[in-house]
Amino acid sequence: TEGRLVVQLAAHIHELRSGVQQLRPFQGLLLAACNHRVRLFGLRRELEGAAGLEAEMEGDSPQASEVHAGDRGRSSAGRRQGARARDRTEEKGRELCEMLKARLELVCSHSSNAFVSSMDTWHDEIVCLGDMVASAVLLRFSPKDNAFKEIARDTNACWTLAVSCLSPNLHYLADADRNIWLLERASLLGSEGRREEGVPSTRPNFPAETVEECSICHQTPAAGGCLCSGVCVRMSGVSYIHVGVSINKFISFPTHQHRASALVSPASRAEASRSDSREADADPRSEAHAEQNGEKGGERTRKRGRTAPAGGTGRRGRGAEETNELLGRRGRRGMETELSKVVVGENSKLWASSEGAIGHLLQIPDEQTFARLAVLQDAVTKVTKSIGKLSAVAFHSVKVGTATVPSKGFIDGDILERFLEFPPSVQRSVYEMAQLNGRIAHLTLPPLEKVVQEIEELQRRH
């Protein structure tokens, strides 16, 4: 038996006069960033004449020729005829593959950038483009018009290396100055008071009479909360930090909801195994088997190194003790699960740099948790000696224009992990310092044990 492995191109090569920088699947189509332009391609197949060619292939199959050649005694003429039939079948097969091969067809294109260096999509609805000169741009595709519409833009000039979408309104950006920015789309309203009162915006082209809910931000334009209309708004950096490396890639990372089994430590697995064995020993069937072998419940308990309490049998005393241990173990597991949900949110990102470094961005959804971790970070920074004369605050500061401002909205996980390396006495003093600073900011810190557990949970993430 002979077999062949044939590799064919799925589509014809589509030649462009510009370099292709990024490719992304988008609504079942192909989204390509070509220098300063974004193009959306679809696949089109030409099936005319394919059915007739396939029928000819079935009628002139090499198997029929081989059978005919076999009837004539496998003569040389029959073998040559069979070879010619196979060649004709192969040629028609190549023609059929060529006819069934798809062709890339341009659906639409958008050009409003200097050079697209990075690209990311959110739920096949929003496209975030990283411009090498003009920061970031948000586009929304309109299937009705088969066109992209610009809905937001960051007017700050920076060399963008990578972008990543967190939500319709929040996007990560890494620039050539080795900073990470969290960009947020601005509101179409002039003040928060107008939003709370439900007064629609008076800006032109804003559909104030529409009451349908937006599929992206889930807000009604009539209430002034929709940011996805045809009006282009501004994006601004709400959080920023200097990381010291050139980040060129963001990758989505699974959270605790998808990695629950991976968060179990070896000690927890060993403890669970021991508890399962104890639960198996507490099975009545095991007790009945032991009684058949001439062993009483109290006698078996003493053999395991336990003494039955007065006023009861050994089996009941051991069962009560194991019940308490089981409840305690379940309580600890429940506390770990609750802690995992409090400390880390859902939108986690990995980043990779051109220097070979890999980092992890974790979103902390609770403002109180973020505030107490920030207070603890400041306390650890004060007791830690910096290398040279550059402090952690100065290192993470970001240069904005001609000014240098401290980092905002980010916490350095390496600084928090130093807290676990301190001896208990130093941990207590750092905790008391953070507690004092928290009182000044009207913030109450949890007990020291819970703070250590939160930091260990963050450390376990990577």
Protein backbone atom coordinates (compact mmCIF):
# COMPACT_ATOMS: atom_id res chain seq x y z
CA THR A 1 0.00 0.00 0.00
CA GLU A 2 1.37 3.37 -0.99
CA GLY A 3 0.34 6.66 0.54
CA ARG A 4 1.01 10.28 -0.23
CA LEU A 5 0.90 13.43 1.86
CA VAL A 6 -0.11 16.46 -0.20
CA VAL A 7 0.07 19.99 1.24
CA GLN A 8 -1.88 22.64 -0.65
CA LEU A 9 -2.30 26.35 -0.09
CA ALA A 10 -5.72 27.21 1.34
CA ALA A 11 -5.93 30.48 -0.60
CA HIS A 12 -4.20 32.26 -3.40
CA ILE A 13 -1.37 34.57 -2.45
CA HIS A 14 -2.67 38.12 -2.22
CA GLU A 15 0.06 40.59 -3.04
CA LEU A 16 0.15 43.98 -1.32
CA ARG A 17 2.28 47.01 -1.94
CA SER A 18 2.82 47.54 1.78
CA GLY A 19 4.32 45.51 4.59
CA VAL A 20 2.01 43.42 6.77
CA GLN A 21 2.74 44.13 10.45
CA GLN A 22 -0.10 42.37 12.32
CA LEU A 23 -2.79 39.76 11.57
CA ARG A 24 -5.91 39.05 13.64
CA PRO A 25 -9.12 37.05 13.09
CA PHE A 26 -12.10 39.39 13.21
CA GLN A 27 -15.76 38.38 12.77
CA GLY A 28 -14.78 35.38 10.69
CA LEU A 29 -12.62 37.57 8.44
CA LEU A 30 -8.94 38.44 8.37
CA LEU A 31 -7.79 41.77 9.79
CA ALA A 32 -4.39 42.96 8.60
CA ALA A 33 -2.36 45.99 9.69
CA CYS A 34 -0.41 47.14 6.64
CA ASN A 35 1.94 50.00 7.52
CA HIS A 36 -0.38 53.01 8.01
CA ARG A 37 -3.59 51.24 6.90
CA VAL A 38 -5.89 48.59 8.37
CA ARG A 39 -7.50 46.23 5.88
CA LEU A 40 -10.24 43.64 6.36
CA PHE A 41 -10.22 40.65 4.01
CA GLY A 42 -12.78 37.95 3.34
CA LEU A 43 -12.48 34.57 1.56
CA ARG A 44 -14.21 34.00 -1.78
CA ARG A 45 -14.35 30.66 -3.60
CA GLU A 46 -14.86 30.14 -7.35
CA LEU A 47 -16.83 26.90 -7.85
CA GLU A 48 -17.72 27.25 -11.54
CA GLY A 49 -16.63 24.15 -13.46
CA ALA A 50 -15.55 22.28 -10.32
CA ALA A 51 -18.52 19.84 -10.44
CA GLY A 52 -17.83 18.78 -14.06
CA LEU A 53 -14.15 18.27 -13.40
CA GLU A 54 -14.92 16.15 -10.34
CA ALA A 55 -17.28 13.96 -12.43
CA GLU A 56 -14.53 13.44 -15.02
CA MET A 57 -12.15 12.37 -12.29
CA GLU A 58 -14.62 9.76 -11.03
CA GLY A 59 -15.15 8.38 -14.57
CA ASP A 60 -11.45 8.23 -15.43
CA SER A 61 -10.15 6.81 -12.16
CA PRO A 62 -6.80 5.02 -11.96
CA GLN A 63 -8.43 2.04 -10.24
CA ALA A 64 -10.45 1.20 -13.38
CA SER A 65 -7.35 1.34 -15.52
CA GLU A 66 -5.45 -0.87 -13.12
CA VAL A 67 -8.24 -3.47 -13.16
CA HIS A 68 -8.29 -3.41 -16.98
CA ALA A 69 -4.54 -3.86 -17.02
CA GLY A 70 -4.81 -6.78 -14.59
CA ASP A 71 -7.25 -8.57 -16.94
CA ARG A 72 -4.64 -8.47 -19.68
CA GLY A 73 -2.10 -10.18 -17.49
CA ARG A 74 -0.35 -7.09 -16.13
CA SER A 75 1.38 -6.51 -19.45
CA SER A 76 3.75 -3.64 -20.00
CA ALA A 77 1.18 -1.83 -22.14
CA GLY A 78 -1.39 -2.14 -19.37
CA ARG A 79 1.03 -0.76 -16.80
CA ARG A 80 1.87 2.19 -19.06
CA GLN A 81 -1.85 2.84 -19.57
CA GLY A 82 -2.45 2.75 -15.82
CA ALA A 83 0.44 5.18 -15.24
CA ARG A 84 -0.97 7.59 -17.83
CA ALA A 85 -4.40 7.36 -16.16
CA ARG A 86 -2.88 8.19 -12.76
CA ASP A 87 -1.05 11.12 -14.25
CA ARG A 88 -4.25 12.46 -15.80
CA THR A 89 -6.08 12.00 -12.46
CA GLU A 90 -3.33 13.82 -10.57
CA GLU A 91 -3.37 16.68 -13.06
CA LYS A 92 -7.15 17.01 -12.79
CA GLY A 93 -6.86 16.83 -9.01
CA ARG A 94 -4.43 19.73 -9.03
CA GLU A 95 -6.79 21.67 -11.27
CA LEU A 96 -9.68 20.93 -8.91
CA CYS A 97 -7.65 22.06 -5.87
CA GLU A 98 -6.73 25.22 -7.72
CA MET A 99 -10.39 25.90 -8.54
CA LEU A 100 -11.52 25.21 -4.98
CA LYS A 101 -8.79 27.39 -3.52
CA ALA A 102 -10.17 30.53 -1.90
CA ARG A 103 -9.17 34.03 -2.81
CA LEU A 104 -8.70 36.94 -0.46
CA GLU A 105 -11.14 39.74 -1.21
CA LEU A 106 -10.86 43.20 0.31
CA VAL A 107 -13.94 44.12 2.38
CA CYS A 108 -12.90 47.54 3.66
CA SER A 109 -9.88 49.54 4.75
CA HIS A 110 -9.18 52.41 7.13
CA SER A 111 -6.31 54.86 7.08
CA SER A 112 -5.81 57.38 9.87
CA ASN A 113 -2.43 56.42 11.32
CA ALA A 114 1.22 57.11 10.72
CA PHE A 115 2.40 53.49 11.20
CA VAL A 116 0.49 50.66 12.93
CA SER A 117 3.01 48.84 15.11
CA SER A 118 0.59 46.71 17.19
CA MET A 119 -3.05 45.68 17.17
CA ASP A 120 -5.57 43.96 19.42
CA THR A 121 -9.32 43.27 19.27
CA TRP A 122 -12.09 43.07 21.84
CA HIS A 123 -14.95 40.62 21.21
CA ASP A 124 -14.89 41.15 17.43
CA GLU A 125 -16.33 44.63 17.91
CA ILE A 126 -13.52 47.03 18.81
CA VAL A 127 -10.04 47.26 17.31
CA CYS A 128 -7.24 48.94 19.26
CA LEU A 129 -4.34 50.13 17.11
CA GLY A 130 -0.96 51.11 18.46
CA ASP A 131 0.47 53.90 16.34
CA MET A 132 4.22 54.33 16.32
CA VAL A 133 3.83 58.12 16.33
CA ALA A 134 0.33 58.97 17.60
CA SER A 135 -0.17 56.58 20.57
CA ALA A 136 -3.42 54.53 20.30
CA VAL A 137 -6.61 54.64 18.23
CA LEU A 138 -9.89 52.76 18.74
CA LEU A 139 -11.97 51.63 15.77
CA ARG A 140 -15.40 50.07 15.61
CA PHE A 141 -16.56 48.02 12.62
CA SER A 142 -20.03 48.70 11.23
CA PRO A 143 -21.35 45.63 9.34
CA LYS A 144 -24.14 47.71 7.86
CA ASP A 145 -21.75 50.14 6.20
CA ASN A 146 -18.82 47.71 5.82
CA ALA A 147 -16.51 50.36 7.25
CA PHE A 148 -14.44 51.18 10.32
CA LYS A 149 -15.29 54.23 12.39
CA GLU A 150 -12.84 55.93 14.71
CA ILE A 151 -14.40 56.22 18.16
CA ALA A 152 -11.47 57.27 20.37
CA ARG A 153 -7.89 58.50 20.12
CA ASP A 154 -5.04 59.33 22.47
CA THR A 155 -3.53 62.64 21.42
CA ASN A 156 -0.25 62.16 23.29
CA ALA A 157 2.75 61.53 21.05
CA CYS A 158 4.59 58.34 21.98
CA TRP A 159 6.26 55.41 20.28
CA THR A 160 3.82 52.56 20.90
CA LEU A 161 5.25 49.03 21.06
CA ALA A 162 2.27 46.94 22.23
CA VAL A 163 -1.42 47.34 23.05
CA SER A 164 -3.96 45.05 24.71
CA CYS A 165 -7.69 45.39 25.34
CA LEU A 166 -9.13 44.90 28.81
CA SER A 167 -12.64 46.18 28.14
CA PRO A 168 -14.33 48.56 25.70
CA ASN A 169 -13.10 51.47 27.81
CA LEU A 170 -9.74 50.27 29.21
CA HIS A 171 -6.64 49.37 27.21
CA TYR A 172 -2.99 48.67 28.06
CA LEU A 173 -0.25 50.44 26.13
CA ALA A 174 3.53 49.94 26.30
CA ASP A 175 5.75 52.61 24.79
CA ALA A 176 9.40 52.89 23.81
CA ASP A 177 10.18 54.83 27.00
CA ARG A 178 9.63 51.53 28.87
CA ASN A 179 6.36 52.61 30.44
CA ILE A 180 3.02 50.85 30.82
CA TRP A 181 -0.09 52.98 30.47
CA LEU A 182 -3.70 52.17 31.20
CA LEU A 183 -5.77 54.25 28.78
CA GLU A 184 -9.44 55.03 29.41
CA ARG A 185 -11.94 56.51 27.02
CA ALA A 186 -13.26 59.86 28.13
CA SER A 187 -16.93 60.44 28.79
CA LEU A 188 -19.03 62.32 26.27
CA LEU A 189 -20.51 64.37 29.12
CA GLY A 190 -18.98 67.50 30.53
CA SER A 191 -19.39 66.59 34.22
CA GLU A 192 -20.32 63.73 36.51
CA GLY A 193 -23.31 65.66 37.74
CA ARG A 194 -24.88 65.63 34.30
CA ARG A 195 -24.42 61.88 34.12
CA GLU A 196 -26.07 61.31 37.50
CA GLU A 197 -28.98 63.53 36.51
CA GLY A 198 -29.39 61.65 33.23
CA VAL A 199 -29.09 64.78 31.08
CA PRO A 200 -28.09 63.88 27.51
CA SER A 201 -25.06 65.44 25.91
CA THR A 202 -25.43 68.53 23.75
CA ARG A 203 -22.52 67.68 21.49
CA PRO A 204 -23.41 67.41 17.77
CA ASN A 205 -24.06 64.07 16.07
CA PHE A 206 -24.84 62.43 19.40
CA PRO A 207 -28.02 60.27 19.18
CA ALA A 208 -29.75 61.57 22.27
CA GLU A 209 -33.17 60.23 21.29
CA THR A 210 -32.08 56.62 20.88
CA VAL A 211 -33.09 54.34 23.77
CA GLU A 212 -31.49 51.09 22.61
CA GLU A 213 -28.73 49.62 24.73
CA CYS A 214 -25.25 49.61 23.26
CA SER A 215 -23.81 46.14 22.66
CA ILE A 216 -20.34 47.22 23.80
CA CYS A 217 -20.68 49.43 26.87
CA HIS A 218 -24.27 48.34 27.72
CA GLN A 219 -25.33 51.94 28.25
CA THR A 220 -28.21 53.87 26.72
CA PRO A 221 -27.21 56.89 24.63
CA ALA A 222 -30.25 58.77 25.94
CA ALA A 223 -28.77 58.67 29.44
CA GLY A 224 -25.47 60.03 28.16
CA GLY A 225 -23.45 56.95 29.12
CA CYS A 226 -22.77 55.41 25.71
CA LEU A 227 -19.23 55.97 24.47
CA CYS A 228 -19.60 54.05 21.22
CA SER A 229 -21.38 56.53 18.98
CA GLY A 230 -19.95 58.10 15.86
CA VAL A 231 -18.40 60.90 17.91
CA CYS A 232 -14.67 60.41 18.41
CA VAL A 233 -13.68 61.00 22.03
CA ARG A 234 -10.31 61.23 23.69
CA MET A 235 -8.40 58.56 25.58
CA SER A 236 -6.19 59.50 28.50
CA GLY A 237 -3.79 57.67 30.78
CA VAL A 238 -5.40 56.99 34.15
CA SER A 239 -2.59 54.70 35.40
CA TYR A 240 1.07 54.53 34.49
CA ILE A 241 4.36 53.05 35.68
CA HIS A 242 7.94 52.76 34.44
CA VAL A 243 9.06 49.11 34.27
CA GLY A 244 12.57 49.51 32.84
CA VAL A 245 12.14 47.09 29.89
CA SER A 246 10.80 47.46 26.35
CA ILE A 247 7.55 45.48 26.27
CA ASN A 248 6.62 44.29 22.80
CA LYS A 249 3.84 41.77 23.52
CA PHE A 250 0.81 41.38 25.81
CA ILE A 251 -0.75 37.94 26.21
CA SER A 252 -4.00 37.07 27.97
CA PHE A 253 -3.47 34.83 31.00
CA PRO A 254 -6.04 32.56 32.73
CA THR A 255 -7.20 33.61 36.18
CA HIS A 256 -8.06 31.74 39.36
CA GLN A 257 -11.40 30.70 37.87
CA HIS A 258 -9.59 28.68 35.19
CA ARG A 259 -6.61 27.58 37.27
CA ALA A 260 -8.23 26.48 40.53
CA SER A 261 -6.53 23.09 40.52
CA ALA A 262 -3.11 24.60 39.85
CA LEU A 263 -3.30 26.75 42.99
CA VAL A 264 -3.31 23.76 45.34
CA SER A 265 0.08 23.47 47.04
CA PRO A 266 1.84 20.10 47.57
CA ALA A 267 1.28 20.41 51.31
CA SER A 268 -2.45 20.84 50.76
CA ARG A 269 -2.54 17.79 48.50
CA ALA A 270 -0.67 15.72 51.10
CA GLU A 271 -3.04 16.88 53.82
CA ALA A 272 -6.04 16.04 51.64
CA SER A 273 -4.59 12.57 50.98
CA ARG A 274 -4.13 11.93 54.68
CA SER A 275 -7.65 13.13 55.45
CA ASP A 276 -9.08 10.86 52.75
CA SER A 277 -7.31 7.90 54.30
CA ARG A 278 -8.69 8.82 57.71
CA GLU A 279 -12.18 9.13 56.26
CA ALA A 280 -11.77 5.69 54.71
CA ASP A 281 -10.80 4.28 58.12
CA ALA A 282 -13.92 5.85 59.61
CA ASP A 283 -16.14 3.96 57.15
CA PRO A 284 -18.57 1.58 58.99
CA ARG A 285 -17.67 -1.15 56.55
CA SER A 286 -14.05 -0.90 57.70
CA GLU A 287 -15.22 -1.12 61.32
CA ALA A 288 -17.29 -4.19 60.52
CA HIS A 289 -14.30 -5.80 58.84
CA ALA A 290 -12.17 -5.05 61.88
CA GLU A 291 -14.77 -6.55 64.25
CA GLN A 292 -14.82 -9.72 62.14
CA ASN A 293 -11.07 -9.96 62.64
CA GLY A 294 -11.53 -9.74 66.42
CA GLU A 295 -10.65 -6.08 66.88
CA LYS A 296 -12.94 -3.70 68.77
CA GLY A 297 -13.34 -0.07 67.89
CA GLY A 298 -11.58 1.23 71.01
CA GLU A 299 -8.75 -1.25 70.59
CA ARG A 300 -8.16 -0.15 66.98
CA THR A 301 -8.18 3.46 68.10
CA ARG A 302 -5.47 2.84 70.65
CA LYS A 303 -3.41 0.99 68.05
CA ARG A 304 -3.44 4.17 65.94
CA GLY A 305 -2.00 6.11 68.88
CA ARG A 306 -5.24 7.73 70.10
CA THR A 307 -7.04 7.29 73.40
CA ALA A 308 -10.82 7.19 73.57
CA PRO A 309 -12.33 9.88 75.79
CA ALA A 310 -14.17 8.86 78.95
CA GLY A 311 -17.87 8.15 78.68
CA GLY A 312 -17.84 7.01 75.06
CA THR A 313 -16.49 4.44 72.65
CA GLY A 314 -13.24 4.89 70.81
CA ARG A 315 -14.96 4.91 67.41
CA ARG A 316 -17.27 7.78 68.37
CA GLY A 317 -14.44 9.82 69.87
CA ARG A 318 -12.29 9.39 66.80
CA GLY A 319 -15.22 10.25 64.51
CA ALA A 320 -15.87 13.52 66.38
CA GLU A 321 -12.20 14.42 66.21
CA GLU A 322 -12.02 13.71 62.49
CA THR A 323 -15.22 15.68 61.93
CA ASN A 324 -13.63 18.72 63.55
CA GLU A 325 -10.50 18.25 61.47
CA LEU A 326 -12.60 17.96 58.31
CA LEU A 327 -14.55 21.11 59.13
CA GLY A 328 -11.35 22.97 59.84
CA ARG A 329 -9.83 21.83 56.57
CA ARG A 330 -12.95 22.89 54.65
CA GLY A 331 -12.85 26.25 56.39
CA ARG A 332 -9.23 26.77 55.35
CA ARG A 333 -10.02 25.81 51.77
CA GLY A 334 -13.01 28.16 51.75
CA MET A 335 -10.83 30.96 53.09
CA GLU A 336 -8.25 30.35 50.34
CA THR A 337 -10.98 30.43 47.67
CA GLU A 338 -12.47 33.63 49.08
CA LEU A 339 -9.01 35.17 49.32
CA SER A 340 -8.29 34.26 45.70
CA LYS A 341 -11.44 36.06 44.55
CA VAL A 342 -10.70 39.16 46.62
CA VAL A 343 -7.06 39.66 45.69
CA VAL A 344 -7.03 39.03 41.93
CA GLY A 345 -9.56 40.02 39.29
CA GLU A 346 -10.33 38.39 35.97
CA ASN A 347 -8.29 40.44 33.47
CA SER A 348 -4.75 39.10 33.80
CA LYS A 349 -2.05 39.73 31.22
CA LEU A 350 1.44 38.43 30.61
CA TRP A 351 3.96 40.71 28.98
CA ALA A 352 7.23 39.89 27.23
CA SER A 353 10.06 42.31 26.58
CA SER A 354 12.83 42.51 23.99
CA GLU A 355 15.37 42.13 26.81
CA GLY A 356 13.99 38.65 27.62
CA ALA A 357 11.96 39.57 30.71
CA ILE A 358 8.45 38.22 31.36
CA GLY A 359 6.00 39.95 33.69
CA HIS A 360 2.47 39.50 34.96
CA LEU A 361 -0.25 42.14 35.22
CA LEU A 362 -2.99 41.33 37.72
CA GLN A 363 -6.12 43.40 38.10
CA ILE A 364 -7.25 44.07 41.68
CA PRO A 365 -10.98 44.83 41.53
CA ASP A 366 -11.41 46.07 45.10
CA GLU A 367 -10.26 49.62 45.83
CA GLN A 368 -9.83 48.86 49.52
CA THR A 369 -7.52 45.92 48.76
CA PHE A 370 -5.51 48.05 46.35
CA ALA A 371 -5.23 50.85 48.93
CA ARG A 372 -3.91 48.63 51.72
CA LEU A 373 -1.45 46.91 49.38
CA ALA A 374 -0.21 50.34 48.26
CA VAL A 375 0.26 51.40 51.89
CA LEU A 376 2.18 48.21 52.59
CA GLN A 377 4.33 48.78 49.50
CA ASP A 378 5.29 52.23 50.75
CA ALA A 379 6.25 50.81 54.15
CA VAL A 380 8.41 48.09 52.59
CA THR A 381 10.11 50.67 50.37
CA LYS A 382 11.06 52.79 53.38
CA VAL A 383 12.85 49.93 55.18
CA THR A 384 14.51 48.48 52.07
CA LYS A 385 17.85 49.83 50.96
CA SER A 386 17.93 50.81 47.31
CA ILE A 387 20.78 50.02 44.95
CA GLY A 388 22.83 53.16 44.45
CA LYS A 389 20.98 56.43 44.88
CA LEU A 390 17.91 55.48 42.84
CA SER A 391 14.89 54.78 45.00
CA ALA A 392 11.93 52.63 43.96
CA VAL A 393 9.72 55.71 43.70
CA ALA A 394 12.19 57.45 41.39
CA PHE A 395 12.66 54.31 39.29
CA HIS A 396 8.93 53.83 38.65
CA SER A 397 8.33 57.52 37.91
CA VAL A 398 7.12 58.41 34.43
CA LYS A 399 8.28 61.37 32.37
CA VAL A 400 5.29 63.26 30.99
CA GLY A 401 6.38 66.11 28.76
CA THR A 402 8.97 68.10 30.68
CA ALA A 403 7.81 66.88 34.10
CA THR A 404 8.48 63.63 35.96
CA VAL A 405 5.56 62.27 37.99
CA PRO A 406 5.40 59.26 40.33
CA SER A 407 3.68 56.12 39.17
CA LYS A 408 -0.06 55.88 39.60
CA GLY A 409 -2.50 53.00 39.75
CA PHE A 410 0.16 50.23 39.76
CA ILE A 411 1.76 48.19 42.54
CA ASP A 412 5.17 46.57 42.19
CA GLY A 413 4.77 42.90 43.08
CA ASP A 414 8.53 42.45 43.63
CA ILE A 415 8.45 45.01 46.43
CA LEU A 416 5.50 43.26 48.08
CA GLU A 417 7.27 39.89 47.91
CA ARG A 418 10.19 41.35 49.87
CA PHE A 419 7.82 41.52 52.83
CA LEU A 420 7.79 37.70 52.93
CA GLU A 421 11.61 37.60 53.10
CA PHE A 422 11.74 39.71 56.25
CA PRO A 423 12.10 38.02 59.66
CA PRO A 424 8.97 38.06 61.84
CA SER A 425 10.18 40.99 63.91
CA VAL A 426 10.80 43.14 60.83
CA GLN A 427 7.45 42.06 59.38
CA ARG A 428 5.74 43.22 62.55
CA SER A 429 7.47 46.63 62.48
CA VAL A 430 6.70 47.14 58.77
CA TYR A 431 3.08 46.14 59.38
CA GLU A 432 2.79 48.64 62.24
CA MET A 433 4.25 51.37 60.03
CA ALA A 434 1.75 50.57 57.29
CA GLN A 435 -1.04 50.47 59.86
CA LEU A 436 -0.11 53.94 61.07
CA ASN A 437 -0.06 55.33 57.53
CA GLY A 438 -3.37 53.65 56.86
CA ARG A 439 -4.98 55.34 59.84
CA ILE A 440 -3.88 58.70 58.49
CA ALA A 441 -5.65 57.84 55.22
CA HIS A 442 -8.70 56.48 57.14
CA LEU A 443 -7.82 52.92 56.10
CA THR A 444 -8.01 49.87 58.34
CA LEU A 445 -5.58 47.04 57.65
CA PRO A 446 -6.53 43.39 58.29
CA PRO A 447 -4.50 41.27 60.73
CA LEU A 448 -0.90 40.53 59.89
CA GLU A 449 -1.65 36.87 59.14
CA LYS A 450 -4.20 37.79 56.48
CA VAL A 451 -1.83 40.31 54.90
CA VAL A 452 0.82 37.59 54.61
CA GLN A 453 -1.73 35.24 53.04
CA GLU A 454 -2.73 37.85 50.46
CA ILE A 455 0.89 38.44 49.44
CA GLU A 456 1.52 34.67 49.26
CA GLU A 457 -1.54 34.37 47.03
CA LEU A 458 -0.16 37.02 44.70
CA GLN A 459 3.23 35.30 44.71
CA ARG A 460 1.64 31.97 43.83
CA ARG A 461 0.17 33.48 40.67
CA HIS A 462 3.47 33.35 38.80
